[in-house]
Protein backbone atom coordinates (compact mmCIF):
# COMPACT_ATOMS: atom_id res chain seq x y z
CA UNK A 1 38.00 -20.95 2.63
CA UNK A 2 38.87 -17.27 2.09
CA UNK A 3 38.59 -17.71 -1.68
CA UNK A 4 34.98 -18.89 -1.27
CA UNK A 5 34.21 -16.03 1.13
CA UNK A 6 35.79 -13.60 -1.32
CA UNK A 7 33.53 -14.89 -4.11
CA UNK A 8 30.48 -14.64 -1.89
CA UNK A 9 31.34 -11.08 -0.89
CA UNK A 10 31.89 -10.03 -4.50
CA UNK A 11 28.53 -11.52 -5.40
CA UNK A 12 26.94 -9.55 -2.57
CA UNK A 13 28.55 -6.31 -3.72
CA UNK A 14 27.59 -7.01 -7.33
CA UNK A 15 24.01 -7.54 -6.23
CA UNK A 16 24.20 -4.22 -4.41
CA UNK A 17 25.44 -2.57 -7.61
CA UNK A 18 22.52 -4.04 -9.58
CA UNK A 19 20.02 -2.83 -7.01
CA UNK A 20 21.62 0.63 -7.13
CA UNK A 21 21.44 1.04 -10.91
CA UNK A 22 18.93 3.85 -10.50
CA UNK A 23 21.73 6.04 -9.12
CA UNK A 24 22.82 6.85 -12.66
CA UNK A 25 26.01 6.35 -14.67
CA UNK A 26 28.29 8.54 -12.53
CA UNK A 27 27.35 6.91 -9.24
CA UNK A 28 27.42 3.54 -10.97
CA UNK A 29 31.00 4.14 -12.07
CA UNK A 30 32.04 4.66 -8.45
CA UNK A 31 30.38 1.37 -7.49
CA UNK A 32 32.25 -0.46 -10.29
CA UNK A 33 35.51 1.10 -9.13
CA UNK A 34 34.88 -0.05 -5.57
CA UNK A 35 34.15 -3.58 -6.74
CA UNK A 36 37.40 -3.67 -8.76
CA UNK A 37 39.35 -2.34 -5.79
CA UNK A 38 37.72 -4.85 -3.47
CA UNK A 39 38.53 -7.70 -5.85
CA UNK A 40 42.19 -6.68 -5.99
CA UNK A 41 42.41 -6.47 -2.21
CA UNK A 42 40.78 -9.80 -1.44
CA UNK A 43 41.96 -12.17 -4.20
CA UNK A 44 44.63 -13.89 -2.15
CA UNK A 45 45.65 -17.42 -1.33
CA UNK A 46 44.56 -18.33 2.18
CA UNK A 47 46.54 -20.56 4.57
CA UNK A 48 44.86 -23.67 5.84
CA UNK A 49 44.27 -22.08 9.24
CA UNK A 50 44.78 -18.77 11.03
CA UNK A 51 46.52 -18.20 14.33
CA UNK A 52 45.26 -15.51 16.75
CA UNK A 53 47.49 -12.76 15.32
CA UNK A 54 46.57 -13.59 11.71
CA UNK A 55 42.89 -13.60 12.64
CA UNK A 56 43.18 -10.12 14.13
CA UNK A 57 44.94 -8.82 11.02
CA UNK A 58 42.34 -10.44 8.77
CA UNK A 59 39.51 -8.79 10.70
CA UNK A 60 41.24 -5.43 10.42
CA UNK A 61 41.74 -5.83 6.68
CA UNK A 62 38.12 -6.88 6.20
CA UNK A 63 36.99 -3.79 8.11
CA UNK A 64 39.12 -1.59 5.82
CA UNK A 65 37.86 -3.17 2.59
CA UNK A 66 35.26 -0.44 2.16
CA UNK A 67 35.54 3.27 3.04
CA UNK A 68 34.47 4.01 6.60
CA UNK A 69 31.87 6.47 5.37
CA UNK A 70 30.11 3.93 3.15
CA UNK A 71 26.44 4.04 4.25
CA UNK A 72 25.42 0.75 2.64
CA UNK A 73 22.97 -1.14 4.87
CA UNK A 74 24.21 -4.39 3.33
CA UNK A 75 27.73 -4.17 4.76
CA UNK A 76 28.34 -3.76 8.49
CA UNK A 77 26.14 -2.29 11.21
CA UNK A 78 24.40 1.06 10.83
CA UNK A 79 26.58 3.88 12.22
CA UNK A 80 25.33 5.34 15.49
CA UNK A 81 23.17 8.41 14.96
CA UNK A 82 24.73 11.63 16.22
CA UNK A 83 22.20 13.42 18.37
CA UNK A 84 21.53 17.02 17.36
CA UNK A 85 20.77 19.86 19.71
CA UNK A 86 17.22 20.51 20.85
CA UNK A 87 17.32 23.89 19.11
CA UNK A 88 18.07 22.32 15.74
CA UNK A 89 15.49 19.53 16.00
CA UNK A 90 12.47 21.54 14.70
CA UNK A 91 14.35 22.37 11.49
CA UNK A 92 14.83 18.72 10.54
CA UNK A 93 12.63 16.95 8.01
CA UNK A 94 11.80 13.45 6.82
CA UNK A 95 13.73 10.43 7.98
CA UNK A 96 16.37 12.62 9.68
CA UNK A 97 13.69 14.05 11.98
CA UNK A 98 12.19 10.60 12.56
CA UNK A 99 15.61 9.24 13.45
CA UNK A 100 16.22 12.04 15.97
CA UNK A 101 12.79 11.64 17.56
CA UNK A 102 13.59 7.99 18.22
CA UNK A 103 16.52 9.11 20.42
CA UNK A 104 14.35 11.12 22.82
CA UNK A 105 13.07 9.76 26.09
CA UNK A 106 9.39 9.87 27.02
CA UNK A 107 9.48 13.33 28.58
CA UNK A 108 11.57 14.88 25.81
CA UNK A 109 9.40 13.38 23.07
CA UNK A 110 6.19 14.54 24.72
CA UNK A 111 7.59 18.07 25.11
CA UNK A 112 8.71 18.25 21.50
CA UNK A 113 5.39 17.04 20.13
CA UNK A 114 3.54 19.59 22.25
CA UNK A 115 5.76 22.56 21.45
CA UNK A 116 6.26 21.92 17.72
CA UNK A 117 2.94 20.82 16.17
CA UNK A 118 3.81 22.45 12.82
CA UNK A 119 6.93 20.29 12.51
CA UNK A 120 4.93 17.19 13.36
CA UNK A 121 2.21 18.11 10.84
CA UNK A 122 4.90 18.63 8.19
CA UNK A 123 6.34 15.17 8.88
CA UNK A 124 2.90 13.62 8.49
CA UNK A 125 2.13 15.60 5.32
CA UNK A 126 5.57 14.98 3.78
CA UNK A 127 6.68 11.61 5.12
CA UNK A 128 9.93 9.83 4.25
CA UNK A 129 9.84 7.18 1.53
CA UNK A 130 8.27 3.93 2.69
CA UNK A 131 11.50 1.97 2.23
CA UNK A 132 13.38 4.47 4.41
CA UNK A 133 10.67 4.24 7.07
CA UNK A 134 10.83 0.43 7.05
CA UNK A 135 14.61 0.57 7.42
CA UNK A 136 14.37 3.08 10.26
CA UNK A 137 11.77 0.97 12.08
CA UNK A 138 13.97 -2.11 11.73
CA UNK A 139 16.84 -0.28 13.47
CA UNK A 140 14.73 0.72 16.48
CA UNK A 141 14.68 -1.32 19.66
CA UNK A 142 11.41 -2.78 20.89
CA UNK A 143 11.32 -0.17 23.66
CA UNK A 144 11.75 2.66 21.14
CA UNK A 145 8.97 1.29 18.93
CA UNK A 146 6.57 1.04 21.85
CA UNK A 147 7.44 4.55 23.01
CA UNK A 148 6.92 6.05 19.54
CA UNK A 149 3.58 4.27 19.09
CA UNK A 150 2.37 5.44 22.49
CA UNK A 151 3.67 9.01 22.43
CA UNK A 152 3.42 9.83 18.71
CA UNK A 153 0.48 7.76 17.39
CA UNK A 154 -0.53 10.32 14.75
CA UNK A 155 2.98 10.11 13.28
CA UNK A 156 3.51 6.35 13.43
CA UNK A 157 -0.01 5.57 12.22
CA UNK A 158 0.49 7.72 9.12
CA UNK A 159 3.84 6.32 8.02
CA UNK A 160 3.77 3.89 5.10
CA UNK A 161 6.46 1.29 5.74
CA UNK A 162 5.66 0.80 9.43
CA UNK A 163 4.27 -2.71 10.11
CA UNK A 164 0.48 -2.82 9.94
CA UNK A 165 0.02 -4.10 13.50
CA UNK A 166 1.91 -1.10 14.87
CA UNK A 167 -0.01 1.30 12.64
CA UNK A 168 -3.29 -0.20 13.80
CA UNK A 169 -2.36 0.25 17.44
CA UNK A 170 -1.19 3.82 16.83
CA UNK A 171 -4.23 4.80 14.77
CA UNK A 172 -6.71 3.34 17.24
CA UNK A 173 -4.98 5.31 19.98
CA UNK A 174 -5.10 8.46 17.83
CA UNK A 175 -8.78 7.82 17.11
CA UNK A 176 -9.62 7.52 20.81
CA UNK A 177 -7.59 10.59 21.74
CA UNK A 178 -9.18 12.65 18.95
CA UNK A 179 -12.69 11.70 20.06
CA UNK A 180 -11.87 12.53 23.67
CA UNK A 181 -10.42 15.90 22.69
CA UNK A 182 -13.44 16.84 20.59
CA UNK A 183 -15.87 15.89 23.36
CA UNK A 184 -13.88 18.00 25.79
CA UNK A 185 -14.07 21.02 23.48
CA UNK A 186 -17.79 20.53 22.89
CA UNK A 187 -18.35 20.61 26.65
CA UNK A 188 -16.59 23.97 26.90
CA UNK A 189 -18.67 27.16 27.06
CA UNK A 190 -15.93 29.04 25.21
CA UNK A 191 -16.60 27.29 21.88
CA UNK A 192 -18.94 29.14 19.52
CA UNK A 193 -21.86 27.67 17.61
CA UNK A 194 -20.05 27.42 14.26
CA UNK A 195 -17.07 25.74 15.88
CA UNK A 196 -19.35 23.32 17.71
CA UNK A 197 -21.08 22.39 14.46
CA UNK A 198 -17.71 21.65 12.87
CA UNK A 199 -16.54 19.65 15.88
CA UNK A 200 -19.80 17.68 15.95
CA UNK A 201 -19.37 16.74 12.29
CA UNK A 202 -15.82 15.61 12.89
CA UNK A 203 -16.85 13.60 15.93
CA UNK A 204 -19.56 11.86 13.92
CA UNK A 205 -17.02 10.99 11.24
CA UNK A 206 -14.69 9.45 13.81
CA UNK A 207 -17.61 7.51 15.27
CA UNK A 208 -18.23 6.05 11.82
CA UNK A 209 -14.61 4.98 11.61
CA UNK A 210 -14.88 3.29 14.99
CA UNK A 211 -18.07 1.52 13.88
CA UNK A 212 -16.37 0.39 10.67
CA UNK A 213 -13.64 -1.26 12.74
CA UNK A 214 -16.07 -3.64 14.43
CA UNK A 215 -15.59 -7.22 13.30
CA UNK A 216 -18.37 -8.31 10.95
CA UNK A 217 -20.24 -11.64 10.72
CA UNK A 218 -17.36 -13.15 8.74
CA UNK A 219 -15.05 -12.88 11.72
CA UNK A 220 -12.32 -11.37 9.53
CA UNK A 221 -10.10 -9.05 11.62
CA UNK A 222 -10.00 -5.34 10.77
CA UNK A 223 -6.95 -3.10 10.82
CA UNK A 224 -6.95 0.71 10.87
CA UNK A 225 -4.17 1.27 8.34
CA UNK A 226 -4.42 5.06 8.27
CA UNK A 227 -6.55 7.87 9.62
CA UNK A 228 -6.64 11.60 8.90
CA UNK A 229 -9.19 13.44 11.03
CA UNK A 230 -8.88 16.81 9.28
CA UNK A 231 -11.42 18.18 6.81
CA UNK A 232 -13.56 15.47 5.25
CA UNK A 233 -11.11 12.93 6.60
CA UNK A 234 -9.27 10.02 5.07
CA UNK A 235 -9.26 6.46 6.30
CA UNK A 236 -8.06 3.05 5.17
CA UNK A 237 -9.33 -0.12 6.85
CA UNK A 238 -7.93 -3.54 5.99
CA UNK A 239 -10.05 -6.68 6.19
CA UNK A 240 -7.81 -9.63 6.94
CA UNK A 241 -4.08 -9.22 7.50
CA UNK A 242 -2.20 -7.39 4.70
CA UNK A 243 1.06 -8.19 6.48
CA UNK A 244 0.76 -11.89 5.66
CA UNK A 245 -1.98 -12.33 3.02
CA UNK A 246 -1.17 -14.06 -0.26
CA UNK A 247 -3.62 -11.76 -2.05
CA UNK A 248 -4.10 -8.07 -1.22
CA UNK A 249 -6.83 -6.05 -2.96
CA UNK A 250 -7.37 -2.28 -2.89
CA UNK A 251 -11.06 -1.34 -3.07
CA UNK A 252 -11.11 2.26 -4.33
CA UNK A 253 -14.36 4.26 -4.53
CA UNK A 254 -15.34 7.22 -6.69
CA UNK A 255 -17.29 10.43 -6.12
CA UNK A 256 -19.37 11.13 -2.99
CA UNK A 257 -17.32 8.60 -1.00
CA UNK A 258 -16.39 10.65 2.05
CA UNK A 259 -15.35 8.95 5.27
CA UNK A 260 -18.37 10.10 7.25
CA UNK A 261 -21.00 8.53 5.01
CA UNK A 262 -19.12 5.72 3.28
CA UNK A 263 -16.38 4.16 5.40
CA UNK A 264 -18.76 1.70 7.05
CA UNK A 265 -20.30 0.76 3.70
CA UNK A 266 -16.92 0.38 2.03
CA UNK A 267 -15.50 -1.68 4.89
CA UNK A 268 -18.55 -3.94 4.67
CA UNK A 269 -18.03 -4.31 0.92
CA UNK A 270 -14.35 -5.12 1.42
CA UNK A 271 -15.32 -7.74 4.00
CA UNK A 272 -17.76 -9.32 1.54
CA UNK A 273 -15.10 -9.43 -1.16
CA UNK A 274 -12.63 -11.12 1.20
CA UNK A 275 -15.27 -13.58 2.39
CA UNK A 276 -16.23 -14.55 -1.17
CA UNK A 277 -12.58 -14.92 -2.13
CA UNK A 278 -12.02 -17.21 0.83
CA UNK A 279 -14.98 -19.30 -0.30
CA UNK A 280 -13.67 -19.49 -3.87
CA UNK A 281 -10.18 -20.50 -2.69
CA UNK A 282 -11.72 -23.28 -0.64
CA UNK A 283 -13.88 -24.43 -3.56
CA UNK A 284 -11.00 -24.36 -6.03
CA UNK A 285 -8.70 -26.30 -3.70
CA UNK A 286 -10.85 -29.27 -2.54
CA UNK A 287 -9.44 -31.42 0.22
CA UNK A 288 -6.93 -28.80 1.34
CA UNK A 289 -6.98 -27.98 5.06
CA UNK A 290 -8.25 -24.49 5.86
CA UNK A 291 -4.94 -23.64 7.53
CA UNK A 292 -3.11 -24.41 4.27
CA UNK A 293 -5.29 -22.34 1.94
CA UNK A 294 -4.01 -19.05 0.48
CA UNK A 295 -5.08 -16.02 2.50
CA UNK A 296 -6.62 -12.72 1.44
CA UNK A 297 -6.88 -9.14 2.62
CA UNK A 298 -8.97 -6.33 1.14
CA UNK A 299 -8.37 -2.66 1.90
CA UNK A 300 -11.36 -0.31 2.07
CA UNK A 301 -9.39 2.63 0.76
CA UNK A 302 -10.62 6.21 1.17
CA UNK A 303 -7.13 7.64 0.98
CA UNK A 304 -8.09 10.82 -0.82
CA UNK A 305 -10.84 13.43 -0.89
CA UNK A 306 -13.36 12.18 -3.40
CA UNK A 307 -15.16 14.71 -5.61
CA UNK A 308 -18.75 15.88 -5.59
CA UNK A 309 -20.92 17.18 -8.40
CA UNK A 310 -19.12 20.54 -8.36
CA UNK A 311 -15.53 19.34 -8.90
CA UNK A 312 -15.92 15.91 -10.49
CA UNK A 313 -14.88 17.20 -13.93
CA UNK A 314 -11.47 18.26 -12.57
CA UNK A 315 -8.56 15.84 -12.23
CA UNK A 316 -7.05 17.67 -9.25
CA UNK A 317 -8.50 15.29 -6.67
CA UNK A 318 -7.61 12.30 -8.86
CA UNK A 319 -3.99 13.46 -8.73
CA UNK A 320 -4.26 13.66 -4.95
CA UNK A 321 -5.59 10.12 -4.99
CA UNK A 322 -2.77 9.10 -7.30
CA UNK A 323 -0.10 10.34 -4.88
CA UNK A 324 -1.80 8.76 -1.87
CA UNK A 325 -2.35 5.40 -3.58
CA UNK A 326 1.24 5.29 -4.79
CA UNK A 327 2.48 5.81 -1.22
CA UNK A 328 0.07 3.16 0.06
CA UNK A 329 1.31 0.55 -2.42
CA UNK A 330 4.92 1.49 -1.70
CA UNK A 331 4.14 1.07 1.99
CA UNK A 332 2.74 -2.41 1.40
CA UNK A 333 5.78 -3.43 -0.63
CA UNK A 334 8.23 -1.98 1.91
CA UNK A 335 6.49 -3.49 4.94
CA UNK A 336 6.34 -6.89 3.29
CA UNK A 337 9.98 -6.73 2.15
CA UNK A 338 11.06 -5.96 5.72
CA UNK A 339 9.00 -8.77 7.25
CA UNK A 340 10.26 -12.25 8.01
CA UNK A 341 10.70 -14.01 4.68
CA UNK A 342 10.17 -10.80 2.71
CA UNK A 343 7.45 -12.31 0.50
CA UNK A 344 5.33 -10.04 -1.70
CA UNK A 345 1.60 -10.66 -2.17
CA UNK A 346 -0.42 -10.75 -5.37
CA UNK A 347 -1.74 -7.17 -5.49
CA UNK A 348 -4.94 -6.15 -7.29
CA UNK A 349 -6.83 -2.87 -7.54
CA UNK A 350 -10.62 -2.94 -7.80
CA UNK A 351 -11.65 0.62 -8.60
CA UNK A 352 -14.91 2.40 -9.37
CA UNK A 353 -15.69 5.61 -11.27
CA UNK A 354 -13.41 8.55 -10.35
CA UNK A 355 -11.30 6.13 -8.32
CA UNK A 356 -10.31 4.38 -11.55
CA UNK A 357 -8.78 7.61 -12.82
CA UNK A 358 -6.71 8.02 -9.64
CA UNK A 359 -5.56 4.38 -9.89
CA UNK A 360 -4.62 4.63 -13.57
CA UNK A 361 -2.67 7.86 -12.97
CA UNK A 362 -0.67 6.05 -10.28
CA UNK A 363 0.03 3.03 -12.50
CA UNK A 364 0.87 5.17 -15.51
CA UNK A 365 3.11 7.81 -13.97
CA UNK A 366 4.62 6.42 -10.75
CA UNK A 367 7.12 3.70 -9.95
CA UNK A 368 4.59 1.21 -8.63
CA UNK A 369 3.02 -1.84 -10.22
CA UNK A 370 0.27 -4.31 -9.43
CA UNK A 371 -0.64 -7.79 -10.63
CA UNK A 372 -4.20 -7.00 -11.69
CA UNK A 373 -6.39 -3.95 -12.25
CA UNK A 374 -10.18 -4.08 -12.53
CA UNK A 375 -12.00 -0.83 -13.33
CA UNK A 376 -15.75 -0.30 -13.49
CA UNK A 377 -17.80 2.75 -14.47
CA UNK A 378 -14.59 4.50 -15.52
CA UNK A 379 -14.44 8.01 -17.00
CA UNK A 380 -10.98 7.16 -18.34
CA UNK A 381 -7.53 8.63 -17.84
CA UNK A 382 -4.66 10.09 -19.92
CA UNK A 383 -3.38 6.52 -20.56
CA UNK A 384 -4.43 5.65 -24.10
CA UNK A 385 -3.92 1.90 -23.81
CA UNK A 386 -3.69 -0.73 -21.09
CA UNK A 387 -0.06 -1.23 -22.08
CA UNK A 388 0.81 2.18 -20.64
CA UNK A 389 -0.13 1.00 -17.15
CA UNK A 390 2.30 -0.80 -14.85
CA UNK A 391 0.22 -3.95 -14.53
CA UNK A 392 1.80 -7.39 -14.83
CA UNK A 393 1.38 -8.85 -18.33
CA UNK A 394 -1.22 -6.23 -19.23
CA UNK A 395 -3.63 -7.84 -16.76
CA UNK A 396 -6.15 -5.00 -16.99
CA UNK A 397 -9.90 -5.61 -16.80
CA UNK A 398 -12.84 -3.34 -17.51
CA UNK A 399 -16.56 -3.60 -16.82
CA UNK A 400 -19.36 -1.26 -17.93
CA UNK A 401 -23.10 -1.60 -17.41
CA UNK A 402 -25.56 -0.95 -20.23
CA UNK A 403 -27.37 1.66 -18.14
CA UNK A 404 -24.21 3.41 -16.93
CA UNK A 405 -23.48 6.52 -19.07
CA UNK A 406 -20.09 7.34 -17.50
CA UNK A 407 -17.83 4.82 -19.35
CA UNK A 408 -18.92 6.29 -22.69
CA UNK A 409 -17.81 9.83 -21.83
CA UNK A 410 -14.05 9.44 -22.01
CA UNK A 411 -14.06 12.48 -19.74
CA UNK A 412 -10.39 12.25 -18.82
CA UNK A 413 -8.99 11.17 -22.18
CA UNK A 414 -9.53 7.48 -22.83
CA UNK A 415 -12.37 4.99 -23.04
CA UNK A 416 -11.09 1.77 -21.42
CA UNK A 417 -14.06 -0.17 -22.83
CA UNK A 418 -12.90 0.38 -26.42
CA UNK A 419 -11.19 -2.51 -28.21
CA UNK A 420 -8.21 -0.27 -28.99
CA UNK A 421 -7.53 0.20 -25.29
CA UNK A 422 -6.60 -3.48 -24.99
CA UNK A 423 -8.18 -4.43 -21.67
CA UNK A 424 -10.06 -7.63 -20.91
CA UNK A 425 -13.80 -6.90 -20.97
CA UNK A 426 -15.73 -8.78 -18.28
CA UNK A 427 -19.46 -9.30 -18.00
CA UNK A 428 -21.66 -7.22 -15.68
CA UNK A 429 -25.11 -7.67 -17.25
CA UNK A 430 -26.11 -10.89 -15.49
CA UNK A 431 -25.43 -14.54 -16.26
CA UNK A 432 -25.55 -18.04 -14.88
CA UNK A 433 -22.39 -19.06 -13.06
CA UNK A 434 -21.06 -22.17 -14.89
CA UNK A 435 -19.26 -23.38 -11.74
CA UNK A 436 -22.00 -22.97 -9.15
CA UNK A 437 -25.14 -22.81 -11.28
CA UNK A 438 -26.24 -19.64 -9.49
CA UNK A 439 -28.09 -16.94 -11.38
CA UNK A 440 -26.30 -13.61 -11.13
CA UNK A 441 -27.86 -10.17 -11.41
CA UNK A 442 -27.03 -7.30 -13.76
CA UNK A 443 -25.55 -3.93 -12.87
CA UNK A 444 -28.12 -1.14 -12.77
CA UNK A 445 -26.93 2.44 -13.22
CA UNK A 446 -23.53 3.77 -12.21
CA UNK A 447 -23.30 2.47 -8.64
CA UNK A 448 -24.37 -1.18 -8.87
CA UNK A 449 -21.06 -2.88 -9.63
CA UNK A 450 -20.39 -4.14 -6.10
CA UNK A 451 -23.92 -5.27 -5.27
CA UNK A 452 -24.18 -8.73 -3.72
CA UNK A 453 -25.15 -11.44 -6.20
CA UNK A 454 -24.17 -9.56 -9.36
CA UNK A 455 -22.04 -10.96 -12.14
CA UNK A 456 -19.85 -7.87 -11.76
CA UNK A 457 -18.93 -8.60 -8.15
CA UNK A 458 -18.35 -12.28 -8.86
CA UNK A 459 -15.90 -11.45 -11.65
CA UNK A 460 -13.98 -8.88 -9.63
CA UNK A 461 -13.69 -11.28 -6.70
CA UNK A 462 -11.96 -13.76 -9.02
CA UNK A 463 -9.76 -11.11 -10.62
CA UNK A 464 -8.56 -10.20 -7.13
CA UNK A 465 -7.24 -13.73 -6.51
CA UNK A 466 -5.61 -14.13 -9.90
CA UNK A 467 -8.26 -16.38 -11.43
CA UNK A 468 -8.93 -14.49 -14.63
CA UNK A 469 -9.33 -17.85 -16.34
CA UNK A 470 -12.68 -18.17 -14.54
CA UNK A 471 -13.94 -14.64 -15.25
CA UNK A 472 -16.97 -14.42 -17.55
CA UNK A 473 -17.06 -12.24 -20.64
CA UNK A 474 -19.89 -10.32 -22.27
CA UNK A 475 -21.65 -13.43 -23.54
CA UNK A 476 -21.29 -15.54 -20.39
CA UNK A 477 -18.32 -17.51 -21.70
CA UNK A 478 -14.69 -17.08 -20.64
CA UNK A 479 -13.56 -13.48 -20.87
CA UNK A 480 -10.10 -14.62 -21.92
CA UNK A 481 -11.49 -16.28 -25.06
CA UNK A 482 -12.36 -12.85 -26.44
CA UNK A 483 -9.84 -11.06 -28.70
CA UNK A 484 -7.67 -8.45 -27.05
CA UNK A 485 -4.97 -6.04 -28.13
CA UNK A 486 -2.05 -7.65 -26.33
CA UNK A 487 -0.79 -9.46 -23.25
CA UNK A 488 -1.64 -12.61 -21.37
CA UNK A 489 -3.28 -13.28 -18.04
CA UNK A 490 -1.06 -13.90 -15.03
CA UNK A 491 -2.48 -15.97 -12.22
CA UNK A 492 -1.50 -15.50 -8.60
CA UNK A 493 -0.14 -18.17 -6.25
CA UNK A 494 -2.01 -21.44 -6.26
CA UNK A 495 -1.64 -24.72 -4.44
């Protein structure tokens, strides 16, 4: 019996070593040494049964098998957090601060948040890694989670790695509180005209976010994934449930896509994409009960400040978008890994214009990957080929309208439409759908790629659910029959 348990434990520790390979050769050597020591300690012949005294000794030996200071979450319970003094609390950062905040009672937490707004703002601006947040959340009691959501909604709602339902509750609370606070200031005689104009603009932006959260005709639920009420604002609204969906798509806009004027439009577009994907999944799986069909979620993602005509030629905002998108994808992965079952969805990015540059920077330079990338109206990026992007099996797609001048500029280094880039080229100029017989419209100009009834939208809808085999190419036939530089298409989960 003990021999089997010894083998199982060694396998667990070996798995931990494999997962920790990123620590480097020196740290890795310590892990190997610990495994060897553990093997020597535990490779013994076990008696057929243990008496009470032997059981106690065995438990003591098992507890001593690893150093007491070993912080591995895979072996033993998490050590109790030592509470720091109130004076030291404002100097903490990241997950250490988050951990300490979770130890405060309602009164203490409220006092800290009120007296130390700069520390709170720093935590929101420089959050812990999503995996660390997910681990921290998992260690909290239900009462602690509820308290943090209620008392610190701006913090909890901003943290990638927190479950989406909790973030939605926190962000809706933060939205309501922000609106109430602005209205209170506007009613004050002490606020000047310039300040009132600024407050009125911010209030209107928040009203647009609230309107974008209303359930549309499809009936698909909407989740407020994140909300930043400062400046031009940032907001991410999920259509469907990203916590459980089989397919999760990020809909990323380009220039002139501020929250105030575009969040309602983008959320509506995301809802249409999800609705069409649901229809396709039903059509492609005849006879399957609706409750058994794969599920989808589309995120209307304005997670960065998009450029205007003045700063569109700079990549500075694209790099901001890169960092924000990377954190968002890491948050999805971490939240899903921490959920029951730990299943990961098929993740696709559907990006337009300047948003394609932000997305490609993320997939080229950061430690995140997706299953499919579709870019339209793209001014390019430093990546010279699709193979330089972290996309499964080179599953990169590109669309460009005949009347759209942007894809030909190569403004930021590459031209994804070129054959040398190695992406799948999909049709956007109008065609007849071979599966439904419907006539589909062509893209007009730079902003027509997501228009209802276009070939472009139809193809991106299918890319988002891993059905590249049904995507149409430039001549109306299968896009995958066209020559390409490398790679093969990878489909998502199917029945």
